[in-house]
Amino acid sequence: MKQGTKNEIIESLKYDGLQEAENITGKSYKEDKATESLGFINHIANSQRKAKLLSSVDDTVFSETEEEYLRKVTDFGFKSLLVDPFINEDGTEERLYIMFHYDYSILLVWDTHTWGDDGSWAKAGKEVPPPNRNGGHIYYNWSPEDKSKRFDCTSSGGFIGNGDNNQTYSTSFNKDFTPHILPQEYRESEPKWGDRDYEEFCKEFDKWCIECTNYFADQDCIGIWSGDHDCREALKFNINNLIENGTFIKKWKNQPFLWLLHYMDHKEDGYDHEAITKERISRLPEDVQQIIKGNETIK
């Protein structure tokens, strides 16, 4: 991707139409209707620009058909593992897709939505739209090259705990992804508050934290992020951003919270999302089940 296009996509993804409107008028959109209207206009214009930019590099956009989305993610390397048909509220068949990218160990889950046809489309001189991609997520384990810059790459999730009972430095791993435990000498030197002056304790604790941070920096330790992204818009961009700034973990150390449900599943009274997710995982290929099961806690 050309750097200019990449920068434009980054700008469009971060753009806040309401904030821009407030910058122009100097008023809050919550208190000024003109500012609110301008913010809405900004949002629509940016959405159109963003869709055009993403489409120019064949990336996913907010609104697209099932067929087009499936083509894009398949071309990118995702393999279909499971397709579960289900019936929507209008009696139309929809589909839940569970896909996997073997190179990066990314699990992709998404479902479809089909507009009903009550004759109004024909009256308006339009064809009934084909099934659309509805919503979904990607799930993964990833190690950033620089933990301080992970905010530019990640969405939801958290760093995985390495099993160390020390809560301050419990997310450090060696380069081979084995846990790196804080040495005993640092544990013993950790300041204890007790009955001491609080300010004095804080100064000592801050000094101790710096020493521990320097130790881990010298050991070239890494962190492992267990997380997810919304799969609808800029899927390829988000994955490539993670690739450029870190490493995907082939065999997950932790299984993030997985939502393998379609939108009709949770319309059933008393539905059990854990049982539904577990059942769908059981129908995935055995090698994928082993990759995504994880074995560590998350902090």
Protein backbone atom coordinates (compact mmCIF):
# COMPACT_ATOMS: atom_id res chain seq x y z
CA MET A 1 0.00 0.00 0.00
CA LYS A 2 1.32 3.46 -0.91
CA GLN A 3 2.27 5.51 2.13
CA GLY A 4 0.01 8.35 1.03
CA THR A 5 -3.00 6.07 0.83
CA LYS A 6 -2.11 4.47 4.16
CA ASN A 7 -1.91 7.87 5.85
CA GLU A 8 -5.24 8.87 4.34
CA ILE A 9 -6.86 5.70 5.66
CA ILE A 10 -5.42 6.28 9.13
CA GLU A 11 -6.74 9.83 9.09
CA SER A 12 -10.20 8.77 7.94
CA LEU A 13 -10.43 6.00 10.55
CA LYS A 14 -9.54 8.41 13.35
CA TYR A 15 -11.67 11.28 12.08
CA ASP A 16 -14.32 12.60 14.47
CA GLY A 17 -16.95 14.64 12.63
CA LEU A 18 -18.50 16.05 15.79
CA GLN A 19 -15.15 17.14 17.17
CA GLU A 20 -14.31 18.84 13.89
CA ALA A 21 -17.66 20.63 13.97
CA GLU A 22 -16.99 21.86 17.50
CA ASN A 23 -13.54 23.07 16.43
CA ILE A 24 -15.15 25.11 13.66
CA THR A 25 -18.06 26.62 15.62
CA GLY A 26 -16.46 26.76 19.05
CA LYS A 27 -19.67 25.30 20.50
CA SER A 28 -20.71 21.93 21.89
CA TYR A 29 -22.85 19.79 19.60
CA LYS A 30 -24.86 18.84 22.71
CA GLU A 31 -25.95 22.44 23.14
CA ASP A 32 -25.99 23.81 19.59
CA LYS A 33 -28.14 22.31 16.81
CA ALA A 34 -26.10 23.90 14.03
CA THR A 35 -22.94 22.27 15.39
CA GLU A 36 -24.75 18.95 15.68
CA SER A 37 -25.93 19.19 12.07
CA LEU A 38 -22.47 20.10 10.84
CA GLY A 39 -21.03 17.15 12.74
CA PHE A 40 -23.51 14.82 11.06
CA ILE A 41 -22.60 16.21 7.62
CA ASN A 42 -18.90 15.74 8.43
CA HIS A 43 -19.56 12.15 9.48
CA ILE A 44 -21.41 11.29 6.26
CA ALA A 45 -18.72 12.89 4.10
CA ASN A 46 -15.94 11.06 5.90
CA SER A 47 -17.81 7.74 5.71
CA GLN A 48 -18.03 8.10 1.94
CA ARG A 49 -14.37 9.07 1.66
CA LYS A 50 -13.31 6.21 3.93
CA ALA A 51 -15.28 3.63 1.94
CA LYS A 52 -13.69 4.91 -1.28
CA LEU A 53 -10.17 4.72 0.18
CA LEU A 54 -10.66 1.21 1.58
CA SER A 55 -12.25 -0.04 -1.63
CA SER A 56 -9.30 1.31 -3.63
CA VAL A 57 -7.05 -1.21 -1.84
CA ASP A 58 -9.73 -3.96 -1.82
CA ASP A 59 -10.19 -3.74 1.93
CA THR A 60 -13.47 -4.38 3.74
CA VAL A 61 -15.96 -1.55 4.19
CA PHE A 62 -18.76 -0.92 6.65
CA SER A 63 -21.55 -1.94 4.29
CA GLU A 64 -21.05 -4.70 1.71
CA THR A 65 -22.61 -7.90 0.46
CA GLU A 66 -21.98 -11.37 1.85
CA GLU A 67 -20.47 -12.40 -1.49
CA GLU A 68 -18.07 -9.45 -1.65
CA TYR A 69 -16.95 -9.76 1.97
CA LEU A 70 -16.38 -13.48 1.61
CA ARG A 71 -14.28 -12.89 -1.50
CA LYS A 72 -12.13 -10.26 0.21
CA VAL A 73 -11.36 -12.25 3.35
CA THR A 74 -10.77 -15.45 1.35
CA ASP A 75 -8.37 -13.63 -0.97
CA PHE A 76 -6.55 -12.40 2.13
CA GLY A 77 -5.99 -15.97 3.32
CA PHE A 78 -8.91 -16.89 5.59
CA LYS A 79 -10.20 -20.44 5.26
CA SER A 80 -13.83 -21.34 5.93
CA LEU A 81 -14.14 -23.84 8.77
CA LEU A 82 -17.84 -23.82 9.56
CA VAL A 83 -20.96 -22.36 7.97
CA ASP A 84 -24.09 -22.60 10.12
CA PRO A 85 -27.39 -21.67 8.42
CA PHE A 86 -30.07 -20.07 10.60
CA ILE A 87 -33.49 -18.49 10.07
CA ASN A 88 -34.02 -14.80 10.78
CA GLU A 89 -37.18 -13.15 12.11
CA ASP A 90 -38.61 -12.82 8.58
CA GLY A 91 -38.19 -16.54 7.88
CA THR A 92 -35.20 -15.97 5.59
CA GLU A 93 -32.13 -18.19 5.76
CA GLU A 94 -28.95 -16.49 6.98
CA ARG A 95 -25.46 -17.84 7.64
CA LEU A 96 -22.88 -17.73 10.44
CA TYR A 97 -19.30 -18.10 9.20
CA ILE A 98 -16.34 -19.24 11.28
CA MET A 99 -13.05 -18.83 9.41
CA PHE A 100 -9.37 -19.13 10.26
CA HIS A 101 -6.10 -17.64 9.00
CA TYR A 102 -3.49 -20.36 9.46
CA ASP A 103 -0.49 -18.06 8.86
CA TYR A 104 -1.45 -15.72 11.72
CA SER A 105 -3.77 -17.94 13.82
CA ILE A 106 -6.62 -15.42 13.57
CA LEU A 107 -10.17 -16.63 14.15
CA LEU A 108 -12.82 -14.74 12.15
CA VAL A 109 -16.53 -15.00 13.06
CA TRP A 110 -19.28 -13.15 11.18
CA ASP A 111 -22.92 -13.50 10.16
CA THR A 112 -25.24 -12.25 7.43
CA HIS A 113 -28.36 -10.09 7.28
CA THR A 114 -30.93 -10.11 4.47
CA TRP A 115 -33.47 -7.35 3.93
CA GLY A 116 -37.07 -8.57 3.80
CA ASP A 117 -39.16 -8.09 0.66
CA ASP A 118 -42.69 -6.81 1.25
CA GLY A 119 -43.02 -5.42 -2.25
CA SER A 120 -41.74 -1.94 -1.36
CA TRP A 121 -38.47 -2.44 -3.22
CA ALA A 122 -40.28 -3.04 -6.50
CA LYS A 123 -42.60 -0.09 -5.87
CA ALA A 124 -39.54 2.11 -5.48
CA GLY A 125 -38.12 0.77 -8.74
CA LYS A 126 -35.28 -1.04 -6.96
CA GLU A 127 -34.09 -4.62 -6.78
CA VAL A 128 -34.14 -6.45 -3.45
CA PRO A 129 -30.60 -6.19 -2.01
CA PRO A 130 -28.60 -9.43 -1.76
CA PRO A 131 -27.56 -10.76 1.68
CA ASN A 132 -25.16 -8.45 3.49
CA ARG A 133 -22.38 -9.11 5.94
CA ASN A 134 -23.86 -8.18 9.30
CA GLY A 135 -21.28 -8.11 12.09
CA GLY A 136 -18.51 -10.08 13.74
CA HIS A 137 -14.99 -10.10 15.16
CA ILE A 138 -11.48 -11.41 14.71
CA TYR A 139 -9.69 -13.01 17.68
CA TYR A 140 -5.94 -13.45 18.10
CA ASN A 141 -2.83 -13.52 20.29
CA TRP A 142 -0.14 -10.99 19.36
CA SER A 143 3.15 -9.68 20.72
CA PRO A 144 3.99 -6.00 20.09
CA GLU A 145 7.51 -4.91 19.24
CA ASP A 146 6.98 -1.96 21.59
CA LYS A 147 4.38 -2.40 24.36
CA SER A 148 3.98 1.37 24.70
CA LYS A 149 2.79 1.64 21.07
CA ARG A 150 0.23 -1.18 21.16
CA PHE A 151 -2.58 1.43 21.52
CA ASP A 152 -2.12 2.27 17.82
CA CYS A 153 -2.77 -1.34 16.84
CA THR A 154 -5.15 -3.02 19.27
CA SER A 155 -8.84 -2.70 20.08
CA SER A 156 -10.26 -4.84 22.91
CA GLY A 157 -8.32 -7.29 25.06
CA GLY A 158 -5.44 -7.31 27.51
CA PHE A 159 -1.92 -8.52 28.20
CA ILE A 160 -1.66 -12.15 29.29
CA GLY A 161 -0.46 -12.92 32.79
CA ASN A 162 2.58 -15.19 32.94
CA GLY A 163 1.53 -16.95 36.14
CA ASP A 164 3.69 -14.81 38.41
CA ASN A 165 1.90 -13.93 41.65
CA ASN A 166 3.62 -10.55 41.69
CA GLN A 167 0.93 -8.26 40.25
CA THR A 168 3.26 -5.44 39.22
CA TYR A 169 5.35 -7.43 36.73
CA SER A 170 3.21 -10.40 35.76
CA THR A 171 2.92 -10.00 31.97
CA SER A 172 6.51 -10.55 30.83
CA PHE A 173 7.57 -13.42 28.57
CA ASN A 174 10.84 -14.54 27.01
CA LYS A 175 11.33 -14.36 23.24
CA ASP A 176 10.34 -18.04 22.99
CA PHE A 177 7.02 -17.12 24.69
CA THR A 178 7.89 -18.90 27.94
CA PRO A 179 7.09 -16.96 31.17
CA HIS A 180 9.78 -14.68 32.54
CA ILE A 181 9.33 -14.52 36.31
CA LEU A 182 10.62 -11.61 38.38
CA PRO A 183 13.83 -12.80 40.14
CA GLN A 184 13.74 -13.40 43.88
CA GLU A 185 16.17 -10.55 44.66
CA TYR A 186 13.68 -8.03 43.22
CA ARG A 187 10.78 -9.62 45.07
CA GLU A 188 12.60 -9.35 48.38
CA SER A 189 13.55 -5.72 47.76
CA GLU A 190 9.99 -4.60 46.94
CA PRO A 191 9.05 -1.80 49.40
CA LYS A 192 6.24 -2.56 51.84
CA TRP A 193 3.94 0.17 53.06
CA GLY A 194 3.16 -0.96 56.60
CA ASP A 195 3.00 1.95 59.05
CA ARG A 196 5.41 4.13 57.12
CA ASP A 197 4.77 7.59 55.73
CA TYR A 198 2.80 7.19 52.49
CA GLU A 199 4.85 9.71 50.47
CA GLU A 200 8.07 8.05 51.56
CA PHE A 201 6.69 4.66 50.53
CA CYS A 202 5.62 5.99 47.11
CA LYS A 203 9.09 7.35 46.40
CA GLU A 204 10.70 4.02 47.27
CA PHE A 205 8.13 2.06 45.31
CA ASP A 206 8.59 4.25 42.22
CA LYS A 207 12.35 3.73 42.45
CA TRP A 208 11.84 -0.03 42.74
CA CYS A 209 9.53 -0.02 39.69
CA ILE A 210 12.18 1.76 37.62
CA GLU A 211 14.75 -0.85 38.65
CA CYS A 212 12.40 -3.67 37.67
CA THR A 213 11.55 -2.00 34.37
CA ASN A 214 15.24 -1.62 33.55
CA TYR A 215 15.80 -5.26 34.44
CA PHE A 216 13.09 -6.46 32.07
CA ALA A 217 14.37 -4.13 29.34
CA ASP A 218 17.82 -5.68 29.67
CA GLN A 219 16.28 -9.16 29.38
CA ASP A 220 14.54 -8.15 26.14
CA CYS A 221 11.22 -9.43 27.46
CA ILE A 222 7.96 -9.25 25.53
CA GLY A 223 4.26 -8.99 26.29
CA ILE A 224 1.50 -11.05 24.67
CA TRP A 225 -1.83 -9.39 23.88
CA SER A 226 -4.98 -11.51 23.77
CA GLY A 227 -7.62 -9.54 21.95
CA ASP A 228 -10.15 -8.90 19.22
CA HIS A 229 -11.21 -6.38 16.57
CA ASP A 230 -14.51 -5.62 14.93
CA CYS A 231 -14.30 -7.41 11.58
CA ARG A 232 -16.45 -5.12 9.46
CA GLU A 233 -14.38 -2.13 8.42
CA ALA A 234 -10.67 -2.04 7.41
CA LEU A 235 -10.06 -5.68 8.34
CA LYS A 236 -6.96 -6.02 6.15
CA PHE A 237 -5.60 -2.67 7.32
CA ASN A 238 -5.97 -3.62 10.99
CA ILE A 239 -4.31 -7.01 10.50
CA ASN A 240 -1.45 -5.54 8.46
CA ASN A 241 -0.95 -2.89 11.14
CA LEU A 242 -0.55 -5.66 13.72
CA ILE A 243 1.89 -7.50 11.41
CA GLU A 244 4.01 -4.38 10.92
CA ASN A 245 4.21 -3.68 14.65
CA GLY A 246 4.54 -7.11 16.19
CA THR A 247 4.17 -10.86 15.82
CA PHE A 248 1.07 -13.06 15.83
CA ILE A 249 1.36 -16.05 18.18
CA LYS A 250 0.84 -19.27 16.22
CA LYS A 251 -0.45 -21.27 19.21
CA TRP A 252 -2.50 -19.06 21.50
CA LYS A 253 -1.25 -18.63 25.06
CA ASN A 254 -4.68 -17.38 26.08
CA GLN A 255 -8.17 -17.73 24.65
CA PRO A 256 -9.88 -14.31 24.68
CA PHE A 257 -13.60 -14.09 25.30
CA LEU A 258 -15.11 -15.68 22.20
CA TRP A 259 -18.58 -14.82 20.89
CA LEU A 260 -19.42 -17.48 18.31
CA LEU A 261 -23.11 -16.59 18.17
CA HIS A 262 -25.28 -15.13 15.43
CA TYR A 263 -27.90 -12.49 16.17
CA MET A 264 -30.77 -14.96 16.42
CA ASP A 265 -29.04 -17.08 19.07
CA HIS A 266 -29.45 -14.45 21.77
CA LYS A 267 -33.11 -13.85 20.98
CA GLU A 268 -33.91 -17.19 22.63
CA ASP A 269 -34.97 -16.86 26.28
CA GLY A 270 -32.38 -18.34 28.61
CA TYR A 271 -29.79 -18.84 25.89
CA ASP A 272 -26.37 -20.03 27.14
CA HIS A 273 -23.67 -18.26 25.13
CA GLU A 274 -20.90 -20.35 26.71
CA ALA A 275 -22.59 -23.63 25.77
CA ILE A 276 -23.29 -22.41 22.23
CA THR A 277 -19.70 -21.25 21.75
CA LYS A 278 -18.32 -24.50 23.17
CA GLU A 279 -20.51 -26.58 20.84
CA ARG A 280 -19.39 -24.61 17.78
CA ILE A 281 -15.73 -24.89 18.75
CA SER A 282 -16.20 -28.66 19.02
CA ARG A 283 -17.11 -28.76 15.31
CA LEU A 284 -13.97 -26.94 14.19
CA PRO A 285 -10.98 -28.94 12.89
CA GLU A 286 -8.97 -30.51 15.71
CA ASP A 287 -5.79 -28.59 14.81
CA VAL A 288 -7.61 -25.26 15.13
CA GLN A 289 -9.15 -26.32 18.45
CA GLN A 290 -5.66 -27.01 19.78
CA ILE A 291 -4.31 -23.69 18.48
CA ILE A 292 -7.02 -21.52 20.08
CA LYS A 293 -7.56 -23.29 23.42
CA GLY A 294 -4.85 -21.29 25.27
CA ASN A 295 -3.36 -22.17 28.63
CA GLU A 296 -2.59 -18.92 30.45
CA THR A 297 -4.57 -16.37 32.48
CA ILE A 298 -5.12 -12.77 31.40
CA LYS A 299 -4.46 -9.58 33.36
